[in-house]
Amino acid sequence: MRLQRRSLALAITLMGTLLSVAPAQSASLTPELQKALDSSKYVYVQSARKDGTLSKPAEIWFMPYNGAVWVASPVTTYRVKRIQAGQTKAKIWIGKTDGSAFNAKGSIVTDPEVNKVMFETYAKKYSSEWSSYEKKFRDDLANGSRVLIKYEPAE
């Protein structure tokens, strides 16, 4: 009987340990944020500096896709350099810097399929400007001087 109690206690302890180290579920966009993203022309990205403070908001073209905000940025930007250095926290403002916003985690992604979706989205969303920038975006993503960033909602 004593051995069974110890085994049960050990099993409960192990389960508690496993549950405490399980990866946290990522946050998701609320329906209100998704609606704002769907109707907005720009987002403003603030990336976290080394000391944790947020940078000045930068207006940027974007694509809402699969519950995240996607942007294509030159590798020379601080938002890219910070992600490469492990500073992945950011704040995404939708439409204006005093409106809706969410905390995000940025990551650099290489996915030609997402690039295609982005090009199609930009051609519609930024139709009057896209013809001037399309070749630059395509060439830069192909040669690595621009990268695709995925900003996922974070707690």
N, C-alpha and C. Protein backbone atom coordinates (compact mmCIF):
# COMPACT_ATOMS: atom_id res chain seq x y z
N MET A 1 0.82 -1.19 0.00
CA MET A 1 0.00 0.00 0.00
C MET A 1 0.87 1.26 0.00
N ARG A 2 1.91 1.24 0.80
CA ARG A 2 2.81 2.38 0.88
C ARG A 2 3.49 2.64 -0.46
N LEU A 3 3.90 1.58 -1.18
CA LEU A 3 4.53 1.71 -2.49
C LEU A 3 3.55 2.32 -3.50
N GLN A 4 2.28 1.93 -3.43
CA GLN A 4 1.29 2.48 -4.35
C GLN A 4 1.11 3.99 -4.12
N ARG A 5 1.11 4.41 -2.84
CA ARG A 5 0.97 5.83 -2.54
C ARG A 5 2.16 6.62 -3.08
N ARG A 6 3.37 6.05 -2.89
CA ARG A 6 4.56 6.72 -3.41
C ARG A 6 4.52 6.82 -4.93
N SER A 7 4.09 5.74 -5.57
CA SER A 7 4.00 5.75 -7.03
C SER A 7 2.98 6.77 -7.49
N LEU A 8 1.85 6.85 -6.78
CA LEU A 8 0.82 7.82 -7.13
C LEU A 8 1.35 9.24 -6.91
N ALA A 9 2.04 9.47 -5.80
CA ALA A 9 2.60 10.79 -5.52
C ALA A 9 3.63 11.17 -6.58
N LEU A 10 4.45 10.23 -6.96
CA LEU A 10 5.45 10.48 -7.99
C LEU A 10 4.79 10.81 -9.33
N ALA A 11 3.75 10.06 -9.67
CA ALA A 11 3.03 10.31 -10.93
C ALA A 11 2.40 11.70 -10.93
N ILE A 12 1.81 12.09 -9.80
CA ILE A 12 1.19 13.42 -9.72
C ILE A 12 2.26 14.51 -9.83
N THR A 13 3.39 14.31 -9.18
CA THR A 13 4.49 15.28 -9.25
C THR A 13 5.00 15.41 -10.68
N LEU A 14 5.19 14.28 -11.36
CA LEU A 14 5.66 14.30 -12.74
C LEU A 14 4.66 15.00 -13.66
N MET A 15 3.38 14.74 -13.47
CA MET A 15 2.36 15.38 -14.30
C MET A 15 2.38 16.89 -14.07
N GLY A 16 2.52 17.32 -12.84
CA GLY A 16 2.58 18.75 -12.53
C GLY A 16 3.79 19.39 -13.19
N THR A 17 4.92 18.70 -13.15
CA THR A 17 6.13 19.21 -13.78
C THR A 17 5.95 19.33 -15.28
N LEU A 18 5.39 18.30 -15.90
CA LEU A 18 5.18 18.33 -17.34
C LEU A 18 4.22 19.45 -17.73
N LEU A 19 3.17 19.63 -16.96
CA LEU A 19 2.22 20.70 -17.26
C LEU A 19 2.84 22.07 -17.10
N SER A 20 3.73 22.22 -16.14
CA SER A 20 4.32 23.53 -15.91
C SER A 20 5.33 23.93 -16.97
N VAL A 21 5.91 22.96 -17.69
CA VAL A 21 6.87 23.29 -18.73
C VAL A 21 6.29 23.17 -20.13
N ALA A 22 5.01 22.86 -20.24
CA ALA A 22 4.37 22.77 -21.56
C ALA A 22 4.40 24.15 -22.21
N PRO A 23 4.60 24.21 -23.51
CA PRO A 23 4.65 25.51 -24.17
C PRO A 23 3.31 26.23 -24.06
N ALA A 24 3.38 27.54 -23.85
CA ALA A 24 2.18 28.34 -23.74
C ALA A 24 1.53 28.47 -25.11
N GLN A 25 0.21 28.52 -25.12
CA GLN A 25 -0.51 28.74 -26.36
C GLN A 25 -0.29 30.17 -26.80
N SER A 26 -0.11 30.38 -28.09
CA SER A 26 0.09 31.75 -28.57
C SER A 26 -1.25 32.48 -28.55
N ALA A 27 -1.16 33.79 -28.43
CA ALA A 27 -2.36 34.62 -28.45
C ALA A 27 -2.89 34.65 -29.87
N SER A 28 -4.13 35.09 -30.00
CA SER A 28 -4.69 35.23 -31.34
C SER A 28 -5.33 36.60 -31.49
N LEU A 29 -5.55 36.98 -32.71
CA LEU A 29 -6.18 38.26 -32.99
C LEU A 29 -7.66 38.18 -32.62
N THR A 30 -8.15 39.22 -31.98
CA THR A 30 -9.58 39.28 -31.69
C THR A 30 -10.31 39.59 -33.00
N PRO A 31 -11.60 39.30 -33.06
CA PRO A 31 -12.36 39.66 -34.26
C PRO A 31 -12.28 41.16 -34.57
N GLU A 32 -12.23 41.99 -33.53
CA GLU A 32 -12.14 43.44 -33.73
C GLU A 32 -10.81 43.83 -34.38
N LEU A 33 -9.71 43.23 -33.89
CA LEU A 33 -8.40 43.52 -34.48
C LEU A 33 -8.33 43.02 -35.92
N GLN A 34 -8.87 41.83 -36.17
CA GLN A 34 -8.86 41.29 -37.52
C GLN A 34 -9.65 42.19 -38.47
N LYS A 35 -10.79 42.68 -38.02
CA LYS A 35 -11.61 43.58 -38.84
C LYS A 35 -10.84 44.87 -39.13
N ALA A 36 -10.16 45.41 -38.11
CA ALA A 36 -9.37 46.62 -38.31
C ALA A 36 -8.23 46.37 -39.31
N LEU A 37 -7.57 45.24 -39.21
CA LEU A 37 -6.49 44.90 -40.15
C LEU A 37 -7.03 44.77 -41.57
N ASP A 38 -8.18 44.14 -41.71
CA ASP A 38 -8.75 43.92 -43.04
C ASP A 38 -9.12 45.23 -43.73
N SER A 39 -9.41 46.26 -42.95
CA SER A 39 -9.83 47.52 -43.56
C SER A 39 -8.74 48.61 -43.54
N SER A 40 -7.59 48.31 -42.97
CA SER A 40 -6.53 49.31 -42.85
C SER A 40 -5.54 49.23 -44.00
N LYS A 41 -5.01 50.37 -44.37
CA LYS A 41 -4.01 50.43 -45.44
C LYS A 41 -2.59 50.22 -44.90
N TYR A 42 -2.34 50.64 -43.66
CA TYR A 42 -1.00 50.55 -43.08
C TYR A 42 -1.05 50.02 -41.66
N VAL A 43 0.09 49.49 -41.23
CA VAL A 43 0.33 49.24 -39.80
C VAL A 43 1.56 50.06 -39.43
N TYR A 44 1.71 50.27 -38.14
CA TYR A 44 2.88 50.96 -37.59
C TYR A 44 3.55 49.97 -36.66
N VAL A 45 4.81 49.66 -36.95
CA VAL A 45 5.55 48.66 -36.19
C VAL A 45 6.52 49.36 -35.25
N GLN A 46 6.46 48.96 -33.99
CA GLN A 46 7.44 49.39 -33.00
C GLN A 46 8.17 48.13 -32.55
N SER A 47 9.45 48.06 -32.82
CA SER A 47 10.23 46.90 -32.38
C SER A 47 10.92 47.22 -31.06
N ALA A 48 11.18 46.17 -30.29
CA ALA A 48 11.80 46.34 -28.97
C ALA A 48 13.31 46.47 -29.10
N ARG A 49 13.83 47.51 -28.48
CA ARG A 49 15.28 47.71 -28.43
C ARG A 49 15.90 46.75 -27.42
N LYS A 50 17.22 46.74 -27.36
CA LYS A 50 17.96 45.87 -26.44
C LYS A 50 17.53 46.11 -24.99
N ASP A 51 17.23 47.38 -24.63
CA ASP A 51 16.84 47.69 -23.26
C ASP A 51 15.35 47.46 -22.99
N GLY A 52 14.62 46.98 -24.01
CA GLY A 52 13.21 46.67 -23.84
C GLY A 52 12.25 47.78 -24.23
N THR A 53 12.76 49.00 -24.41
CA THR A 53 11.89 50.09 -24.83
C THR A 53 11.52 49.91 -26.30
N LEU A 54 10.42 50.50 -26.69
CA LEU A 54 9.96 50.38 -28.06
C LEU A 54 10.49 51.51 -28.94
N SER A 55 10.78 51.18 -30.17
CA SER A 55 11.26 52.17 -31.13
C SER A 55 10.13 53.11 -31.54
N LYS A 56 10.49 54.10 -32.29
CA LYS A 56 9.50 55.00 -32.89
C LYS A 56 8.66 54.16 -33.87
N PRO A 57 7.34 54.38 -33.92
CA PRO A 57 6.51 53.60 -34.85
C PRO A 57 6.87 53.88 -36.30
N ALA A 58 6.99 52.83 -37.09
CA ALA A 58 7.30 52.97 -38.51
C ALA A 58 6.11 52.51 -39.34
N GLU A 59 5.62 53.40 -40.20
CA GLU A 59 4.50 53.06 -41.09
C GLU A 59 5.00 52.10 -42.15
N ILE A 60 4.22 51.05 -42.40
CA ILE A 60 4.68 50.05 -43.36
C ILE A 60 3.50 49.36 -44.01
N TRP A 61 3.71 48.96 -45.28
CA TRP A 61 2.74 48.12 -45.97
C TRP A 61 2.70 46.78 -45.27
N PHE A 62 1.55 46.12 -45.31
CA PHE A 62 1.42 44.85 -44.62
C PHE A 62 0.36 43.99 -45.27
N MET A 63 0.34 42.74 -44.84
CA MET A 63 -0.67 41.80 -45.27
C MET A 63 -1.15 41.03 -44.04
N PRO A 64 -2.46 41.06 -43.73
CA PRO A 64 -2.96 40.16 -42.70
C PRO A 64 -3.15 38.78 -43.34
N TYR A 65 -2.58 37.75 -42.72
CA TYR A 65 -2.64 36.41 -43.32
C TYR A 65 -2.47 35.36 -42.23
N ASN A 66 -3.37 34.43 -42.18
CA ASN A 66 -3.32 33.31 -41.22
C ASN A 66 -3.10 33.78 -39.78
N GLY A 67 -3.84 34.80 -39.37
CA GLY A 67 -3.80 35.24 -37.98
C GLY A 67 -2.58 36.05 -37.59
N ALA A 68 -1.83 36.52 -38.57
CA ALA A 68 -0.62 37.30 -38.29
C ALA A 68 -0.54 38.49 -39.25
N VAL A 69 0.37 39.40 -38.94
CA VAL A 69 0.68 40.52 -39.82
C VAL A 69 2.02 40.21 -40.47
N TRP A 70 2.06 40.31 -41.80
CA TRP A 70 3.27 40.01 -42.56
C TRP A 70 3.76 41.28 -43.24
N VAL A 71 5.05 41.52 -43.19
CA VAL A 71 5.67 42.65 -43.87
C VAL A 71 6.95 42.17 -44.55
N ALA A 72 7.38 42.92 -45.54
CA ALA A 72 8.66 42.63 -46.20
C ALA A 72 9.56 43.84 -45.96
N SER A 73 10.66 43.62 -45.29
CA SER A 73 11.54 44.73 -44.91
C SER A 73 12.97 44.52 -45.38
N PRO A 74 13.64 45.60 -45.76
CA PRO A 74 15.06 45.50 -46.08
C PRO A 74 15.85 45.00 -44.85
N VAL A 75 16.88 44.23 -45.10
CA VAL A 75 17.68 43.68 -43.99
C VAL A 75 18.42 44.77 -43.22
N THR A 76 18.48 45.96 -43.76
CA THR A 76 19.17 47.07 -43.10
C THR A 76 18.30 47.77 -42.05
N THR A 77 17.02 47.43 -41.95
CA THR A 77 16.15 48.10 -40.98
C THR A 77 16.40 47.56 -39.58
N TYR A 78 16.14 48.40 -38.59
CA TYR A 78 16.31 47.97 -37.20
C TYR A 78 15.35 46.84 -36.85
N ARG A 79 14.14 46.84 -37.41
CA ARG A 79 13.20 45.77 -37.06
C ARG A 79 13.78 44.41 -37.44
N VAL A 80 14.47 44.33 -38.59
CA VAL A 80 15.10 43.07 -39.01
C VAL A 80 16.31 42.77 -38.13
N LYS A 81 17.16 43.77 -37.92
CA LYS A 81 18.37 43.55 -37.11
C LYS A 81 18.01 43.10 -35.69
N ARG A 82 16.94 43.67 -35.14
CA ARG A 82 16.53 43.29 -33.77
C ARG A 82 16.04 41.85 -33.72
N ILE A 83 15.25 41.45 -34.70
CA ILE A 83 14.79 40.06 -34.73
C ILE A 83 15.99 39.12 -34.86
N GLN A 84 16.93 39.46 -35.74
CA GLN A 84 18.13 38.63 -35.92
C GLN A 84 18.95 38.54 -34.64
N ALA A 85 18.89 39.58 -33.80
CA ALA A 85 19.63 39.59 -32.54
C ALA A 85 18.83 38.97 -31.40
N GLY A 86 17.63 38.47 -31.70
CA GLY A 86 16.82 37.81 -30.67
C GLY A 86 15.81 38.71 -29.98
N GLN A 87 15.75 39.97 -30.38
CA GLN A 87 14.76 40.91 -29.82
C GLN A 87 13.50 40.81 -30.69
N THR A 88 12.62 39.89 -30.35
CA THR A 88 11.48 39.59 -31.22
C THR A 88 10.19 40.32 -30.82
N LYS A 89 10.19 40.98 -29.67
CA LYS A 89 8.97 41.66 -29.22
C LYS A 89 8.72 42.91 -30.06
N ALA A 90 7.44 43.15 -30.30
CA ALA A 90 7.04 44.34 -31.06
C ALA A 90 5.63 44.73 -30.68
N LYS A 91 5.26 45.92 -31.06
CA LYS A 91 3.89 46.38 -30.92
C LYS A 91 3.43 46.79 -32.30
N ILE A 92 2.25 46.33 -32.70
CA ILE A 92 1.70 46.62 -34.00
C ILE A 92 0.47 47.50 -33.81
N TRP A 93 0.54 48.70 -34.37
CA TRP A 93 -0.59 49.64 -34.37
C TRP A 93 -1.30 49.51 -35.71
N ILE A 94 -2.60 49.51 -35.69
CA ILE A 94 -3.37 49.31 -36.91
C ILE A 94 -3.96 50.64 -37.38
N GLY A 95 -3.53 51.08 -38.56
CA GLY A 95 -4.10 52.27 -39.17
C GLY A 95 -3.55 53.59 -38.68
N LYS A 96 -3.32 53.71 -37.39
CA LYS A 96 -2.78 54.94 -36.80
C LYS A 96 -2.18 54.60 -35.45
N THR A 97 -1.31 55.46 -34.96
CA THR A 97 -0.57 55.14 -33.73
C THR A 97 -1.34 55.43 -32.45
N ASP A 98 -2.56 55.88 -32.55
CA ASP A 98 -3.37 56.04 -31.34
C ASP A 98 -4.65 55.21 -31.42
N GLY A 99 -4.62 54.21 -32.28
CA GLY A 99 -5.80 53.36 -32.46
C GLY A 99 -5.60 51.98 -31.86
N SER A 100 -6.15 51.00 -32.53
CA SER A 100 -6.04 49.61 -32.09
C SER A 100 -4.60 49.13 -32.23
N ALA A 101 -4.18 48.29 -31.29
CA ALA A 101 -2.81 47.77 -31.33
C ALA A 101 -2.77 46.42 -30.63
N PHE A 102 -1.71 45.68 -30.88
CA PHE A 102 -1.49 44.43 -30.16
C PHE A 102 0.00 44.18 -30.02
N ASN A 103 0.36 43.45 -28.97
CA ASN A 103 1.74 43.03 -28.77
C ASN A 103 1.99 41.84 -29.68
N ALA A 104 3.20 41.77 -30.20
CA ALA A 104 3.50 40.73 -31.18
C ALA A 104 4.90 40.17 -30.97
N LYS A 105 5.11 39.02 -31.59
CA LYS A 105 6.43 38.40 -31.64
C LYS A 105 6.79 38.28 -33.12
N GLY A 106 7.92 38.86 -33.50
CA GLY A 106 8.34 38.83 -34.89
C GLY A 106 9.30 37.70 -35.19
N SER A 107 9.19 37.16 -36.38
CA SER A 107 10.13 36.14 -36.83
C SER A 107 10.36 36.32 -38.33
N ILE A 108 11.56 35.98 -38.76
CA ILE A 108 11.89 36.04 -40.17
C ILE A 108 11.54 34.69 -40.78
N VAL A 109 10.80 34.76 -41.88
CA VAL A 109 10.28 33.54 -42.52
C VAL A 109 10.71 33.53 -43.98
N THR A 110 11.10 32.36 -44.46
CA THR A 110 11.37 32.18 -45.88
C THR A 110 10.31 31.23 -46.41
N ASP A 111 9.39 31.77 -47.21
CA ASP A 111 8.31 30.96 -47.74
C ASP A 111 7.83 31.55 -49.06
N PRO A 112 8.29 30.98 -50.18
CA PRO A 112 7.89 31.51 -51.49
C PRO A 112 6.38 31.55 -51.69
N GLU A 113 5.64 30.64 -51.07
CA GLU A 113 4.19 30.63 -51.21
C GLU A 113 3.58 31.86 -50.54
N VAL A 114 4.09 32.23 -49.38
CA VAL A 114 3.60 33.45 -48.71
C VAL A 114 4.01 34.68 -49.52
N ASN A 115 5.20 34.65 -50.11
CA ASN A 115 5.61 35.76 -50.98
C ASN A 115 4.58 35.96 -52.09
N LYS A 116 4.15 34.87 -52.73
CA LYS A 116 3.16 34.96 -53.81
C LYS A 116 1.87 35.60 -53.31
N VAL A 117 1.40 35.15 -52.14
CA VAL A 117 0.17 35.71 -51.58
C VAL A 117 0.37 37.19 -51.29
N MET A 118 1.55 37.54 -50.77
CA MET A 118 1.82 38.95 -50.47
C MET A 118 1.82 39.79 -51.76
N PHE A 119 2.45 39.31 -52.80
CA PHE A 119 2.47 40.07 -54.05
C PHE A 119 1.05 40.29 -54.58
N GLU A 120 0.24 39.26 -54.52
CA GLU A 120 -1.15 39.38 -54.98
C GLU A 120 -1.92 40.36 -54.11
N THR A 121 -1.71 40.28 -52.81
CA THR A 121 -2.39 41.18 -51.87
C THR A 121 -1.96 42.61 -52.11
N TYR A 122 -0.67 42.84 -52.22
CA TYR A 122 -0.16 44.18 -52.45
C TYR A 122 -0.65 44.76 -53.78
N ALA A 123 -0.75 43.92 -54.80
CA ALA A 123 -1.22 44.39 -56.11
C ALA A 123 -2.64 44.94 -56.00
N LYS A 124 -3.45 44.35 -55.15
CA LYS A 124 -4.83 44.83 -54.95
C LYS A 124 -4.88 45.98 -53.94
N LYS A 125 -4.22 45.78 -52.81
CA LYS A 125 -4.30 46.73 -51.70
C LYS A 125 -3.61 48.06 -52.01
N TYR A 126 -2.49 47.99 -52.69
CA TYR A 126 -1.70 49.17 -53.00
C TYR A 126 -1.63 49.36 -54.52
N SER A 127 -2.76 49.21 -55.18
CA SER A 127 -2.82 49.16 -56.64
C SER A 127 -2.19 50.37 -57.33
N SER A 128 -2.34 51.55 -56.76
CA SER A 128 -1.78 52.73 -57.44
C SER A 128 -0.27 52.84 -57.28
N GLU A 129 0.31 52.21 -56.25
CA GLU A 129 1.75 52.30 -56.01
C GLU A 129 2.51 51.04 -56.40
N TRP A 130 1.82 49.90 -56.44
CA TRP A 130 2.48 48.61 -56.59
C TRP A 130 3.33 48.51 -57.86
N SER A 131 2.86 49.04 -58.95
CA SER A 131 3.62 48.92 -60.21
C SER A 131 5.01 49.56 -60.09
N SER A 132 5.15 50.57 -59.24
CA SER A 132 6.44 51.23 -59.04
C SER A 132 7.38 50.43 -58.14
N TYR A 133 6.80 49.57 -57.29
CA TYR A 133 7.59 48.86 -56.28
C TYR A 133 7.69 47.35 -56.49
N GLU A 134 6.86 46.80 -57.35
CA GLU A 134 6.78 45.34 -57.50
C GLU A 134 8.13 44.70 -57.82
N LYS A 135 8.82 45.20 -58.82
CA LYS A 135 10.11 44.61 -59.21
C LYS A 135 11.10 44.66 -58.05
N LYS A 136 11.15 45.77 -57.34
CA LYS A 136 12.08 45.92 -56.21
C LYS A 136 11.77 44.88 -55.12
N PHE A 137 10.49 44.73 -54.77
CA PHE A 137 10.11 43.75 -53.75
C PHE A 137 10.48 42.34 -54.20
N ARG A 138 10.12 41.99 -55.42
CA ARG A 138 10.41 40.64 -55.93
C ARG A 138 11.92 40.36 -55.96
N ASP A 139 12.67 41.30 -56.53
CA ASP A 139 14.12 41.12 -56.64
C ASP A 139 14.77 41.05 -55.25
N ASP A 140 14.38 41.96 -54.37
CA ASP A 140 15.00 42.01 -53.04
C ASP A 140 14.69 40.75 -52.22
N LEU A 141 13.47 40.25 -52.30
CA LEU A 141 13.15 39.01 -51.57
C LEU A 141 13.92 37.84 -52.17
N ALA A 142 14.09 37.85 -53.48
CA ALA A 142 14.83 36.76 -54.15
C ALA A 142 16.32 36.79 -53.81
N ASN A 143 16.90 37.99 -53.72
CA ASN A 143 18.36 38.06 -53.49
C ASN A 143 18.74 38.21 -52.01
N GLY A 144 17.75 38.27 -51.13
CA GLY A 144 18.02 38.31 -49.70
C GLY A 144 18.25 39.69 -49.11
N SER A 145 18.12 40.74 -49.91
CA SER A 145 18.31 42.08 -49.35
C SER A 145 17.03 42.60 -48.68
N ARG A 146 15.97 41.83 -48.79
CA ARG A 146 14.70 42.10 -48.10
C ARG A 146 14.22 40.76 -47.56
N VAL A 147 13.60 40.77 -46.37
CA VAL A 147 13.11 39.53 -45.78
C VAL A 147 11.64 39.66 -45.43
N LEU A 148 11.01 38.53 -45.30
CA LEU A 148 9.61 38.44 -44.92
C LEU A 148 9.55 38.29 -43.40
N ILE A 149 8.78 39.16 -42.76
CA ILE A 149 8.62 39.11 -41.30
C ILE A 149 7.17 38.76 -40.96
N LYS A 150 7.01 37.83 -40.06
CA LYS A 150 5.70 37.44 -39.56
C LYS A 150 5.58 37.94 -38.13
N TYR A 151 4.57 38.78 -37.88
CA TYR A 151 4.29 39.27 -36.53
C TYR A 151 3.04 38.57 -36.02
N GLU A 152 3.25 37.68 -35.06
CA GLU A 152 2.15 36.93 -34.46
C GLU A 152 1.75 37.60 -33.14
N PRO A 153 0.45 37.61 -32.86
CA PRO A 153 0.02 38.18 -31.56
C PRO A 153 0.73 37.44 -30.41
N ALA A 154 1.09 38.20 -29.39
CA ALA A 154 1.76 37.64 -28.22
C ALA A 154 1.14 38.24 -26.97
N GLU A 155 1.29 37.56 -25.89
CA GLU A 155 0.77 38.04 -24.59
C GLU A 155 1.57 39.22 -24.12
